[in-house]
Amino acid sequence: MGFDENRDATRRTRLANERTFLAWWRTGLTSLAVGIGLGRVVPGVANVTKWPYEVVGAGFGILGLAFILIGHLRVRTVEQALRRGEFAHADDRLLLVLLLAGLGLGGAAVLLLVVEG
């Protein structure tokens, strides 16, 4: 059997899609870990006002769950597009929401460190 460049490219793309899916999961789990650290660990070991850390920590937790959900939806969308021989662009609005959420939560975490630290 000879080399089939199209078939091989599709295989590589599917493997890349799987790696990207796992990257969404890693990002989600990391965000959950940051949420636990900020929301539970920091107030437990430092003399700080608890509620701001809990709010920002919960925000990171929600963001982590969103990353996992979006990763699942994205891997399915890309796979369906591959079957049709198309390319699935990421939704710019969704990417903007993730950007703003990350900047907002990250900024809030830095602000907590500066104000409470």
C-alpha atoms as a PDB file:
ATOM      1  CA  MET A   1       0.000   0.000   0.000  1.00  0.00           C
ATOM      2  CA  GLY A   2       1.411   3.393  -1.011  1.00  0.00           C
ATOM      3  CA  PHE A   3       1.609   6.576   0.957  1.00  0.00           C
ATOM      4  CA  ASP A   4      -1.682   8.499   0.997  1.00  0.00           C
ATOM      5  CA  GLU A   5      -0.863  12.108   1.817  1.00  0.00           C
ATOM      6  CA  ASN A   6      -4.497  13.173   2.341  1.00  0.00           C
ATOM      7  CA  ARG A   7      -5.265  10.282   4.663  1.00  0.00           C
ATOM      8  CA  ASP A   8      -2.055  10.876   6.609  1.00  0.00           C
ATOM      9  CA  ALA A   9      -2.819  14.607   6.922  1.00  0.00           C
ATOM     10  CA  THR A  10      -6.271  13.795   8.290  1.00  0.00           C
ATOM     11  CA  ARG A  11      -4.752  11.431  10.850  1.00  0.00           C
ATOM     12  CA  ARG A  12      -2.277  14.098  11.958  1.00  0.00           C
ATOM     13  CA  THR A  13      -5.072  16.641  12.222  1.00  0.00           C
ATOM     14  CA  ARG A  14      -7.153  14.284  14.354  1.00  0.00           C
ATOM     15  CA  LEU A  15      -4.189  13.647  16.649  1.00  0.00           C
ATOM     16  CA  ALA A  16      -3.591  17.402  16.895  1.00  0.00           C
ATOM     17  CA  ASN A  17      -7.271  17.828  17.766  1.00  0.00           C
ATOM     18  CA  GLU A  18      -6.868  15.283  20.576  1.00  0.00           C
ATOM     19  CA  ARG A  19      -3.786  17.096  21.899  1.00  0.00           C
ATOM     20  CA  THR A  20      -5.662  20.386  21.788  1.00  0.00           C
ATOM     21  CA  PHE A  21      -8.561  18.799  23.666  1.00  0.00           C
ATOM     22  CA  LEU A  22      -6.151  17.690  26.367  1.00  0.00           C
ATOM     23  CA  ALA A  23      -4.696  21.223  26.475  1.00  0.00           C
ATOM     24  CA  TRP A  24      -8.204  22.593  27.146  1.00  0.00           C
ATOM     25  CA  TRP A  25      -8.475  20.068  30.001  1.00  0.00           C
ATOM     26  CA  ARG A  26      -5.057  21.008  31.407  1.00  0.00           C
ATOM     27  CA  THR A  27      -5.990  24.672  31.315  1.00  0.00           C
ATOM     28  CA  GLY A  28      -9.315  23.929  32.992  1.00  0.00           C
ATOM     29  CA  LEU A  29      -7.729  21.836  35.730  1.00  0.00           C
ATOM     30  CA  THR A  30      -5.075  24.495  36.302  1.00  0.00           C
ATOM     31  CA  SER A  31      -7.757  27.149  36.627  1.00  0.00           C
ATOM     32  CA  LEU A  32      -9.608  24.951  39.130  1.00  0.00           C
ATOM     33  CA  ALA A  33      -6.383  24.531  41.125  1.00  0.00           C
ATOM     34  CA  VAL A  34      -5.824  28.303  41.141  1.00  0.00           C
ATOM     35  CA  GLY A  35      -9.397  28.724  42.343  1.00  0.00           C
ATOM     36  CA  ILE A  36      -8.862  26.316  45.222  1.00  0.00           C
ATOM     37  CA  GLY A  37      -5.570  27.975  46.104  1.00  0.00           C
ATOM     38  CA  LEU A  38      -7.008  31.474  46.109  1.00  0.00           C
ATOM     39  CA  GLY A  39     -10.382  30.646  47.574  1.00  0.00           C
ATOM     40  CA  ARG A  40      -9.414  28.157  50.282  1.00  0.00           C
ATOM     41  CA  VAL A  41      -5.676  27.840  50.834  1.00  0.00           C
ATOM     42  CA  VAL A  42      -4.664  31.516  50.959  1.00  0.00           C
ATOM     43  CA  PRO A  43      -7.411  32.566  53.414  1.00  0.00           C
ATOM     44  CA  GLY A  44      -6.597  29.501  55.514  1.00  0.00           C
ATOM     45  CA  VAL A  45      -2.918  30.292  55.951  1.00  0.00           C
ATOM     46  CA  ALA A  46      -2.844  34.090  55.783  1.00  0.00           C
ATOM     47  CA  ASN A  47      -4.432  36.781  57.888  1.00  0.00           C
ATOM     48  CA  VAL A  48      -6.624  38.231  55.110  1.00  0.00           C
ATOM     49  CA  THR A  49     -10.263  39.064  54.550  1.00  0.00           C
ATOM     50  CA  LYS A  50     -11.678  35.777  53.271  1.00  0.00           C
ATOM     51  CA  TRP A  51     -14.557  36.774  50.999  1.00  0.00           C
ATOM     52  CA  PRO A  52     -12.597  38.553  48.217  1.00  0.00           C
ATOM     53  CA  TYR A  53     -10.337  35.518  47.842  1.00  0.00           C
ATOM     54  CA  GLU A  54     -13.343  33.203  47.839  1.00  0.00           C
ATOM     55  CA  VAL A  55     -15.076  35.260  45.132  1.00  0.00           C
ATOM     56  CA  VAL A  56     -12.010  35.396  42.868  1.00  0.00           C
ATOM     57  CA  GLY A  57     -11.301  31.720  43.595  1.00  0.00           C
ATOM     58  CA  ALA A  58     -14.853  30.791  42.627  1.00  0.00           C
ATOM     59  CA  GLY A  59     -14.426  32.817  39.438  1.00  0.00           C
ATOM     60  CA  PHE A  60     -11.327  30.817  38.550  1.00  0.00           C
ATOM     61  CA  GLY A  61     -13.263  27.627  39.327  1.00  0.00           C
ATOM     62  CA  ILE A  62     -16.066  28.628  36.970  1.00  0.00           C
ATOM     63  CA  LEU A  63     -13.510  29.561  34.320  1.00  0.00           C
ATOM     64  CA  GLY A  64     -11.892  26.131  34.735  1.00  0.00           C
ATOM     65  CA  LEU A  65     -15.219  24.371  34.212  1.00  0.00           C
ATOM     66  CA  ALA A  66     -15.834  26.559  31.158  1.00  0.00           C
ATOM     67  CA  PHE A  67     -12.469  25.542  29.663  1.00  0.00           C
ATOM     68  CA  ILE A  68     -13.325  21.862  30.076  1.00  0.00           C
ATOM     69  CA  LEU A  69     -16.787  22.307  28.533  1.00  0.00           C
ATOM     70  CA  ILE A  70     -15.480  24.434  25.658  1.00  0.00           C
ATOM     71  CA  GLY A  71     -12.728  21.886  25.007  1.00  0.00           C
ATOM     72  CA  HIS A  72     -15.328  19.144  24.700  1.00  0.00           C
ATOM     73  CA  LEU A  73     -17.499  21.187  22.344  1.00  0.00           C
ATOM     74  CA  ARG A  74     -14.493  22.287  20.308  1.00  0.00           C
ATOM     75  CA  VAL A  75     -13.108  18.758  19.785  1.00  0.00           C
ATOM     76  CA  ARG A  76     -16.530  17.644  18.547  1.00  0.00           C
ATOM     77  CA  THR A  77     -16.870  20.648  16.225  1.00  0.00           C
ATOM     78  CA  VAL A  78     -13.424  20.100  14.712  1.00  0.00           C
ATOM     79  CA  GLU A  79     -14.083  16.372  14.244  1.00  0.00           C
ATOM     80  CA  GLN A  80     -17.385  17.069  12.481  1.00  0.00           C
ATOM     81  CA  ALA A  81     -15.686  19.619  10.226  1.00  0.00           C
ATOM     82  CA  LEU A  82     -12.960  17.090   9.399  1.00  0.00           C
ATOM     83  CA  ARG A  83     -15.579  14.561   8.333  1.00  0.00           C
ATOM     84  CA  ARG A  84     -17.039  17.157   5.962  1.00  0.00           C
ATOM     85  CA  GLY A  85     -13.596  18.168   4.698  1.00  0.00           C
ATOM     86  CA  GLU A  86     -13.931  21.646   6.186  1.00  0.00           C
ATOM     87  CA  PHE A  87     -12.119  23.804   8.713  1.00  0.00           C
ATOM     88  CA  ALA A  88     -13.831  24.854  11.951  1.00  0.00           C
ATOM     89  CA  HIS A  89     -12.875  28.358  12.984  1.00  0.00           C
ATOM     90  CA  ALA A  90     -13.003  29.172  16.677  1.00  0.00           C
ATOM     91  CA  ASP A  91     -15.757  31.618  17.606  1.00  0.00           C
ATOM     92  CA  ASP A  92     -14.127  35.036  18.044  1.00  0.00           C
ATOM     93  CA  ARG A  93     -16.774  36.099  20.575  1.00  0.00           C
ATOM     94  CA  LEU A  94     -16.065  33.080  22.757  1.00  0.00           C
ATOM     95  CA  LEU A  95     -12.329  33.713  22.591  1.00  0.00           C
ATOM     96  CA  LEU A  96     -12.939  37.341  23.561  1.00  0.00           C
ATOM     97  CA  VAL A  97     -15.041  36.262  26.560  1.00  0.00           C
ATOM     98  CA  LEU A  98     -12.278  33.892  27.698  1.00  0.00           C
ATOM     99  CA  LEU A  99      -9.698  36.651  27.242  1.00  0.00           C
ATOM    100  CA  LEU A 100     -11.729  39.144  29.272  1.00  0.00           C
ATOM    101  CA  ALA A 101     -12.459  36.573  31.992  1.00  0.00           C
ATOM    102  CA  GLY A 102      -8.772  35.691  32.262  1.00  0.00           C
ATOM    103  CA  LEU A 103      -7.695  39.323  32.338  1.00  0.00           C
ATOM    104  CA  GLY A 104     -10.369  40.213  34.890  1.00  0.00           C
ATOM    105  CA  LEU A 105      -9.674  37.319  37.226  1.00  0.00           C
ATOM    106  CA  GLY A 106      -5.915  37.648  36.845  1.00  0.00           C
ATOM    107  CA  GLY A 107      -6.140  41.370  37.512  1.00  0.00           C
ATOM    108  CA  ALA A 108      -8.311  40.734  40.570  1.00  0.00           C
ATOM    109  CA  ALA A 109      -5.798  38.189  41.883  1.00  0.00           C
ATOM    110  CA  VAL A 110      -2.911  40.642  41.425  1.00  0.00           C
ATOM    111  CA  LEU A 111      -4.954  43.383  43.080  1.00  0.00           C
ATOM    112  CA  LEU A 112      -5.630  41.112  46.066  1.00  0.00           C
ATOM    113  CA  LEU A 113      -1.907  40.435  46.383  1.00  0.00           C
ATOM    114  CA  VAL A 114      -1.081  44.136  46.296  1.00  0.00           C
ATOM    115  CA  VAL A 115      -3.869  45.324  48.601  1.00  0.00           C
ATOM    116  CA  GLU A 116      -3.970  42.454  51.088  1.00  0.00           C
ATOM    117  CA  GLY A 117      -0.342  41.340  50.796  1.00  0.00           C
END
